[in-house]
Amino acid sequence: LNTLFHPNIVKVYSFGFLESGQPYLVLDYLQGESLEQVIQKSNESENSNFDLGWMLKTFKQISGGLAHAHEQ
């Protein structure tokens, strides 16, 4: 089912539609905060600057997974 194997891409186990027509995905469970939550927290704090090293590492991980997906 899952043909994308990369450390920065979550594994898809199953997908389909419920009787109501609502689509669903069965994915690996990843514990922690989403990128959206991290950004929202930063925007709400007085010090809204991200650490440059953290930003570069995160961008590299995201773009690595995206590049792999495009190659496939």
PDB file of N, CA and C in Angstrom:
ATOM      1  N   LEU A   1       0.819  -1.201   0.000  1.00  0.00           N
ATOM      2  CA  LEU A   1       0.000   0.000   0.000  1.00  0.00           C
ATOM      3  C   LEU A   1       0.860   1.262   0.000  1.00  0.00           C
ATOM      4  N   ASN A   2       1.764   1.363   0.966  1.00  0.00           N
ATOM      5  CA  ASN A   2       2.603   2.553   1.049  1.00  0.00           C
ATOM      6  C   ASN A   2       3.858   2.346   0.207  1.00  0.00           C
ATOM      7  N   THR A   3       4.024   3.158  -0.820  1.00  0.00           N
ATOM      8  CA  THR A   3       5.201   3.021  -1.679  1.00  0.00           C
ATOM      9  C   THR A   3       6.249   4.093  -1.383  1.00  0.00           C
ATOM     10  N   LEU A   4       5.949   4.992  -0.460  1.00  0.00           N
ATOM     11  CA  LEU A   4       6.899   6.033  -0.084  1.00  0.00           C
ATOM     12  C   LEU A   4       7.567   5.646   1.227  1.00  0.00           C
ATOM     13  N   PHE A   5       8.841   5.273   1.161  1.00  0.00           N
ATOM     14  CA  PHE A   5       9.583   4.906   2.350  1.00  0.00           C
ATOM     15  C   PHE A   5      10.676   5.940   2.569  1.00  0.00           C
ATOM     16  N   HIS A   6      10.486   6.764   3.589  1.00  0.00           N
ATOM     17  CA  HIS A   6      11.429   7.839   3.903  1.00  0.00           C
ATOM     18  C   HIS A   6      11.245   8.184   5.375  1.00  0.00           C
ATOM     19  N   PRO A   7      12.317   8.503   6.074  1.00  0.00           N
ATOM     20  CA  PRO A   7      12.191   8.805   7.509  1.00  0.00           C
ATOM     21  C   PRO A   7      11.286  10.005   7.815  1.00  0.00           C
ATOM     22  N   ASN A   8      11.062  10.869   6.845  1.00  0.00           N
ATOM     23  CA  ASN A   8      10.252  12.062   7.084  1.00  0.00           C
ATOM     24  C   ASN A   8       8.875  11.991   6.425  1.00  0.00           C
ATOM     25  N   ILE A   9       8.450  10.781   6.080  1.00  0.00           N
ATOM     26  CA  ILE A   9       7.099  10.579   5.530  1.00  0.00           C
ATOM     27  C   ILE A   9       6.413   9.527   6.391  1.00  0.00           C
ATOM     28  N   VAL A  10       5.257   9.878   6.923  1.00  0.00           N
ATOM     29  CA  VAL A  10       4.518   8.953   7.771  1.00  0.00           C
ATOM     30  C   VAL A  10       3.981   7.803   6.917  1.00  0.00           C
ATOM     31  N   LYS A  11       3.978   6.598   7.487  1.00  0.00           N
ATOM     32  CA  LYS A  11       3.533   5.419   6.754  1.00  0.00           C
ATOM     33  C   LYS A  11       2.003   5.361   6.710  1.00  0.00           C
ATOM     34  N   VAL A  12       1.458   5.068   5.519  1.00  0.00           N
ATOM     35  CA  VAL A  12       0.017   4.896   5.334  1.00  0.00           C
ATOM     36  C   VAL A  12      -0.271   3.399   5.324  1.00  0.00           C
ATOM     37  N   TYR A  13      -1.145   2.955   6.226  1.00  0.00           N
ATOM     38  CA  TYR A  13      -1.499   1.539   6.317  1.00  0.00           C
ATOM     39  C   TYR A  13      -2.770   1.207   5.550  1.00  0.00           C
ATOM     40  N   SER A  14      -3.701   2.136   5.544  1.00  0.00           N
ATOM     41  CA  SER A  14      -4.980   1.883   4.887  1.00  0.00           C
ATOM     42  C   SER A  14      -5.661   3.215   4.621  1.00  0.00           C
ATOM     43  N   PHE A  15      -6.620   3.182   3.717  1.00  0.00           N
ATOM     44  CA  PHE A  15      -7.437   4.367   3.448  1.00  0.00           C
ATOM     45  C   PHE A  15      -8.746   3.899   2.830  1.00  0.00           C
ATOM     46  N   GLY A  16      -9.701   4.778   2.795  1.00  0.00           N
ATOM     47  CA  GLY A  16     -10.991   4.429   2.217  1.00  0.00           C
ATOM     48  C   GLY A  16     -12.040   5.469   2.560  1.00  0.00           C
ATOM     49  N   PHE A  17     -13.294   5.047   2.480  1.00  0.00           N
ATOM     50  CA  PHE A  17     -14.417   5.921   2.783  1.00  0.00           C
ATOM     51  C   PHE A  17     -15.354   5.227   3.757  1.00  0.00           C
ATOM     52  N   LEU A  18     -15.850   5.968   4.728  1.00  0.00           N
ATOM     53  CA  LEU A  18     -16.858   5.454   5.642  1.00  0.00           C
ATOM     54  C   LEU A  18     -18.198   5.385   4.917  1.00  0.00           C
ATOM     55  N   GLU A  19     -19.176   4.737   5.525  1.00  0.00           N
ATOM     56  CA  GLU A  19     -20.503   4.658   4.920  1.00  0.00           C
ATOM     57  C   GLU A  19     -21.089   6.043   4.663  1.00  0.00           C
ATOM     58  N   SER A  20     -20.704   7.009   5.480  1.00  0.00           N
ATOM     59  CA  SER A  20     -21.194   8.386   5.330  1.00  0.00           C
ATOM     60  C   SER A  20     -20.535   9.113   4.160  1.00  0.00           C
ATOM     61  N   GLY A  21     -19.506   8.501   3.576  1.00  0.00           N
ATOM     62  CA  GLY A  21     -18.773   9.140   2.486  1.00  0.00           C
ATOM     63  C   GLY A  21     -17.536   9.884   2.957  1.00  0.00           C
ATOM     64  N   GLN A  22     -17.346   9.961   4.267  1.00  0.00           N
ATOM     65  CA  GLN A  22     -16.187  10.643   4.849  1.00  0.00           C
ATOM     66  C   GLN A  22     -14.920   9.827   4.567  1.00  0.00           C
ATOM     67  N   PRO A  23     -13.897  10.445   3.985  1.00  0.00           N
ATOM     68  CA  PRO A  23     -12.658   9.707   3.733  1.00  0.00           C
ATOM     69  C   PRO A  23     -11.879   9.491   5.040  1.00  0.00           C
ATOM     70  N   TYR A  24     -11.065   8.429   5.067  1.00  0.00           N
ATOM     71  CA  TYR A  24     -10.217   8.187   6.230  1.00  0.00           C
ATOM     72  C   TYR A  24      -8.863   7.655   5.778  1.00  0.00           C
ATOM     73  N   LEU A  25      -7.870   7.864   6.652  1.00  0.00           N
ATOM     74  CA  LEU A  25      -6.521   7.334   6.493  1.00  0.00           C
ATOM     75  C   LEU A  25      -6.121   6.654   7.789  1.00  0.00           C
ATOM     76  N   VAL A  26      -5.419   5.538   7.701  1.00  0.00           N
ATOM     77  CA  VAL A  26      -4.834   4.900   8.868  1.00  0.00           C
ATOM     78  C   VAL A  26      -3.322   5.097   8.740  1.00  0.00           C
ATOM     79  N   LEU A  27      -2.753   5.866   9.675  1.00  0.00           N
ATOM     80  CA  LEU A  27      -1.349   6.259   9.624  1.00  0.00           C
ATOM     81  C   LEU A  27      -0.635   5.831  10.897  1.00  0.00           C
ATOM     82  N   ASP A  28       0.693   5.899  10.882  1.00  0.00           N
ATOM     83  CA  ASP A  28       1.461   5.750  12.109  1.00  0.00           C
ATOM     84  C   ASP A  28       1.015   6.822  13.092  1.00  0.00           C
ATOM     85  N   TYR A  29       1.020   6.493  14.385  1.00  0.00           N
ATOM     86  CA  TYR A  29       0.738   7.483  15.411  1.00  0.00           C
ATOM     87  C   TYR A  29       2.038   8.185  15.761  1.00  0.00           C
ATOM     88  N   LEU A  30       2.042   9.487  15.668  1.00  0.00           N
ATOM     89  CA  LEU A  30       3.219  10.273  16.007  1.00  0.00           C
ATOM     90  C   LEU A  30       2.886  11.128  17.219  1.00  0.00           C
ATOM     91  N   GLN A  31       3.588  10.882  18.305  1.00  0.00           N
ATOM     92  CA  GLN A  31       3.345  11.625  19.527  1.00  0.00           C
ATOM     93  C   GLN A  31       4.085  12.948  19.471  1.00  0.00           C
ATOM     94  N   GLY A  32       3.454  13.993  19.956  1.00  0.00           N
ATOM     95  CA  GLY A  32       4.094  15.301  20.011  1.00  0.00           C
ATOM     96  C   GLY A  32       3.222  16.363  19.392  1.00  0.00           C
ATOM     97  N   GLU A  33       3.810  17.504  19.164  1.00  0.00           N
ATOM     98  CA  GLU A  33       3.085  18.641  18.602  1.00  0.00           C
ATOM     99  C   GLU A  33       3.257  18.685  17.086  1.00  0.00           C
ATOM    100  N   SER A  34       2.242  19.187  16.416  1.00  0.00           N
ATOM    101  CA  SER A  34       2.346  19.400  14.983  1.00  0.00           C
ATOM    102  C   SER A  34       3.151  20.676  14.727  1.00  0.00           C
ATOM    103  N   LEU A  35       3.636  20.834  13.529  1.00  0.00           N
ATOM    104  CA  LEU A  35       4.353  22.055  13.160  1.00  0.00           C
ATOM    105  C   LEU A  35       3.435  23.259  13.345  1.00  0.00           C
ATOM    106  N   GLU A  36       2.170  23.089  12.995  1.00  0.00           N
ATOM    107  CA  GLU A  36       1.199  24.184  13.173  1.00  0.00           C
ATOM    108  C   GLU A  36       1.109  24.606  14.644  1.00  0.00           C
ATOM    109  N   GLN A  37       1.093  23.641  15.555  1.00  0.00           N
ATOM    110  CA  GLN A  37       1.018  23.956  16.981  1.00  0.00           C
ATOM    111  C   GLN A  37       2.276  24.679  17.461  1.00  0.00           C
ATOM    112  N   VAL A  38       3.425  24.258  16.983  1.00  0.00           N
ATOM    113  CA  VAL A  38       4.690  24.896  17.365  1.00  0.00           C
ATOM    114  C   VAL A  38       4.704  26.347  16.887  1.00  0.00           C
ATOM    115  N   ILE A  39       4.276  26.574  15.659  1.00  0.00           N
ATOM    116  CA  ILE A  39       4.241  27.934  15.107  1.00  0.00           C
ATOM    117  C   ILE A  39       3.243  28.790  15.877  1.00  0.00           C
ATOM    118  N   GLN A  40       2.058  28.228  16.177  1.00  0.00           N
ATOM    119  CA  GLN A  40       1.038  28.972  16.919  1.00  0.00           C
ATOM    120  C   GLN A  40       1.555  29.371  18.293  1.00  0.00           C
ATOM    121  N   LYS A  41       2.225  28.453  18.991  1.00  0.00           N
ATOM    122  CA  LYS A  41       2.803  28.765  20.302  1.00  0.00           C
ATOM    123  C   LYS A  41       3.808  29.897  20.199  1.00  0.00           C
ATOM    124  N   SER A  42       4.624  29.841  19.155  1.00  0.00           N
ATOM    125  CA  SER A  42       5.641  30.866  18.966  1.00  0.00           C
ATOM    126  C   SER A  42       4.992  32.226  18.727  1.00  0.00           C
ATOM    127  N   ASN A  43       3.908  32.230  17.949  1.00  0.00           N
ATOM    128  CA  ASN A  43       3.220  33.487  17.655  1.00  0.00           C
ATOM    129  C   ASN A  43       2.564  34.076  18.896  1.00  0.00           C
ATOM    130  N   GLU A  44       2.191  33.216  19.854  1.00  0.00           N
ATOM    131  CA  GLU A  44       1.519  33.676  21.063  1.00  0.00           C
ATOM    132  C   GLU A  44       2.494  34.122  22.148  1.00  0.00           C
ATOM    133  N   SER A  45       3.760  33.738  22.025  1.00  0.00           N
ATOM    134  CA  SER A  45       4.730  34.087  23.066  1.00  0.00           C
ATOM    135  C   SER A  45       5.340  35.454  22.780  1.00  0.00           C
ATOM    136  N   GLU A  46       5.922  36.028  23.829  1.00  0.00           N
ATOM    137  CA  GLU A  46       6.581  37.329  23.674  1.00  0.00           C
ATOM    138  C   GLU A  46       7.811  37.223  22.795  1.00  0.00           C
ATOM    139  N   ASN A  47       8.509  36.087  22.887  1.00  0.00           N
ATOM    140  CA  ASN A  47       9.695  35.855  22.076  1.00  0.00           C
ATOM    141  C   ASN A  47       9.300  34.937  20.923  1.00  0.00           C
ATOM    142  N   SER A  48       8.891  35.527  19.800  1.00  0.00           N
ATOM    143  CA  SER A  48       8.362  34.745  18.691  1.00  0.00           C
ATOM    144  C   SER A  48       9.433  34.319  17.688  1.00  0.00           C
ATOM    145  N   ASN A  49      10.691  34.477  18.053  1.00  0.00           N
ATOM    146  CA  ASN A  49      11.767  34.086  17.136  1.00  0.00           C
ATOM    147  C   ASN A  49      12.098  32.617  17.307  1.00  0.00           C
ATOM    148  N   PHE A  50      12.162  31.884  16.208  1.00  0.00           N
ATOM    149  CA  PHE A  50      12.595  30.501  16.236  1.00  0.00           C
ATOM    150  C   PHE A  50      14.113  30.460  16.203  1.00  0.00           C
ATOM    151  N   ASP A  51      14.665  29.447  16.808  1.00  0.00           N
ATOM    152  CA  ASP A  51      16.091  29.200  16.733  1.00  0.00           C
ATOM    153  C   ASP A  51      16.449  28.861  15.284  1.00  0.00           C
ATOM    154  N   LEU A  52      17.442  29.514  14.723  1.00  0.00           N
ATOM    155  CA  LEU A  52      17.826  29.312  13.325  1.00  0.00           C
ATOM    156  C   LEU A  52      18.202  27.860  13.059  1.00  0.00           C
ATOM    157  N   GLY A  53      18.941  27.239  13.965  1.00  0.00           N
ATOM    158  CA  GLY A  53      19.322  25.840  13.789  1.00  0.00           C
ATOM    159  C   GLY A  53      18.107  24.931  13.721  1.00  0.00           C
ATOM    160  N   TRP A  54      17.117  25.166  14.597  1.00  0.00           N
ATOM    161  CA  TRP A  54      15.882  24.376  14.589  1.00  0.00           C
ATOM    162  C   TRP A  54      15.137  24.566  13.275  1.00  0.00           C
ATOM    163  N   MET A  55      15.065  25.814  12.807  1.00  0.00           N
ATOM    164  CA  MET A  55      14.346  26.088  11.556  1.00  0.00           C
ATOM    165  C   MET A  55      15.014  25.397  10.372  1.00  0.00           C
ATOM    166  N   LEU A  56      16.333  25.449  10.295  1.00  0.00           N
ATOM    167  CA  LEU A  56      17.045  24.819   9.181  1.00  0.00           C
ATOM    168  C   LEU A  56      16.888  23.302   9.211  1.00  0.00           C
ATOM    169  N   LYS A  57      16.983  22.703  10.397  1.00  0.00           N
ATOM    170  CA  LYS A  57      16.818  21.258  10.530  1.00  0.00           C
ATOM    171  C   LYS A  57      15.402  20.844  10.116  1.00  0.00           C
ATOM    172  N   THR A  58      14.404  21.585  10.567  1.00  0.00           N
ATOM    173  CA  THR A  58      13.011  21.283  10.241  1.00  0.00           C
ATOM    174  C   THR A  58      12.758  21.438   8.744  1.00  0.00           C
ATOM    175  N   PHE A  59      13.259  22.516   8.146  1.00  0.00           N
ATOM    176  CA  PHE A  59      13.090  22.745   6.710  1.00  0.00           C
ATOM    177  C   PHE A  59      13.756  21.630   5.904  1.00  0.00           C
ATOM    178  N   LYS A  60      14.929  21.199   6.341  1.00  0.00           N
ATOM    179  CA  LYS A  60      15.641  20.128   5.637  1.00  0.00           C
ATOM    180  C   LYS A  60      14.845  18.825   5.692  1.00  0.00           C
ATOM    181  N   GLN A  61      14.256  18.523   6.841  1.00  0.00           N
ATOM    182  CA  GLN A  61      13.462  17.302   6.973  1.00  0.00           C
ATOM    183  C   GLN A  61      12.216  17.356   6.092  1.00  0.00           C
ATOM    184  N   ILE A  62      11.519  18.473   6.109  1.00  0.00           N
ATOM    185  CA  ILE A  62      10.302  18.619   5.300  1.00  0.00           C
ATOM    186  C   ILE A  62      10.638  18.526   3.819  1.00  0.00           C
ATOM    187  N   SER A  63      11.654  19.264   3.391  1.00  0.00           N
ATOM    188  CA  SER A  63      11.988  19.262   1.964  1.00  0.00           C
ATOM    189  C   SER A  63      12.571  17.917   1.522  1.00  0.00           C
ATOM    190  N   GLY A  64      13.240  17.200   2.428  1.00  0.00           N
ATOM    191  CA  GLY A  64      13.738  15.868   2.082  1.00  0.00           C
ATOM    192  C   GLY A  64      12.595  14.885   1.806  1.00  0.00           C
ATOM    193  N   GLY A  65      11.588  14.905   2.656  1.00  0.00           N
ATOM    194  CA  GLY A  65      10.419  14.050   2.445  1.00  0.00           C
ATOM    195  C   GLY A  65       9.653  14.437   1.195  1.00  0.00           C
ATOM    196  N   LEU A  66       9.493  15.723   0.972  1.00  0.00           N
ATOM    197  CA  LEU A  66       8.791  16.203  -0.215  1.00  0.00           C
ATOM    198  C   LEU A  66       9.550  15.854  -1.489  1.00  0.00           C
ATOM    199  N   ALA A  67      10.860  16.012  -1.478  1.00  0.00           N
ATOM    200  CA  ALA A  67      11.667  15.658  -2.661  1.00  0.00           C
ATOM    201  C   ALA A  67      11.553  14.174  -2.965  1.00  0.00           C
ATOM    202  N   HIS A  68      11.586  13.341  -1.924  1.00  0.00           N
ATOM    203  CA  HIS A  68      11.446  11.895  -2.121  1.00  0.00           C
ATOM    204  C   HIS A  68      10.089  11.567  -2.757  1.00  0.00           C
ATOM    205  N   ALA A  69       9.038  12.196  -2.250  1.00  0.00           N
ATOM    206  CA  ALA A  69       7.690  11.958  -2.800  1.00  0.00           C
ATOM    207  C   ALA A  69       7.634  12.352  -4.268  1.00  0.00           C
ATOM    208  N   HIS A  70       8.228  13.461  -4.635  1.00  0.00           N
ATOM    209  CA  HIS A  70       8.219  13.913  -6.027  1.00  0.00           C
ATOM    210  C   HIS A  70       9.030  12.970  -6.923  1.00  0.00           C
ATOM    211  N   GLU A  71      10.109  12.409  -6.384  1.00  0.00           N
ATOM    212  CA  GLU A  71      10.919  11.477  -7.164  1.00  0.00           C
ATOM    213  C   GLU A  71      10.177  10.186  -7.472  1.00  0.00           C
ATOM    214  N   GLN A  72       9.249   9.813  -6.615  1.00  0.00           N
ATOM    215  CA  GLN A  72       8.509   8.579  -6.805  1.00  0.00           C
ATOM    216  C   GLN A  72       7.368   8.781  -7.786  1.00  0.00           C
TER     217      GLN A  72
END
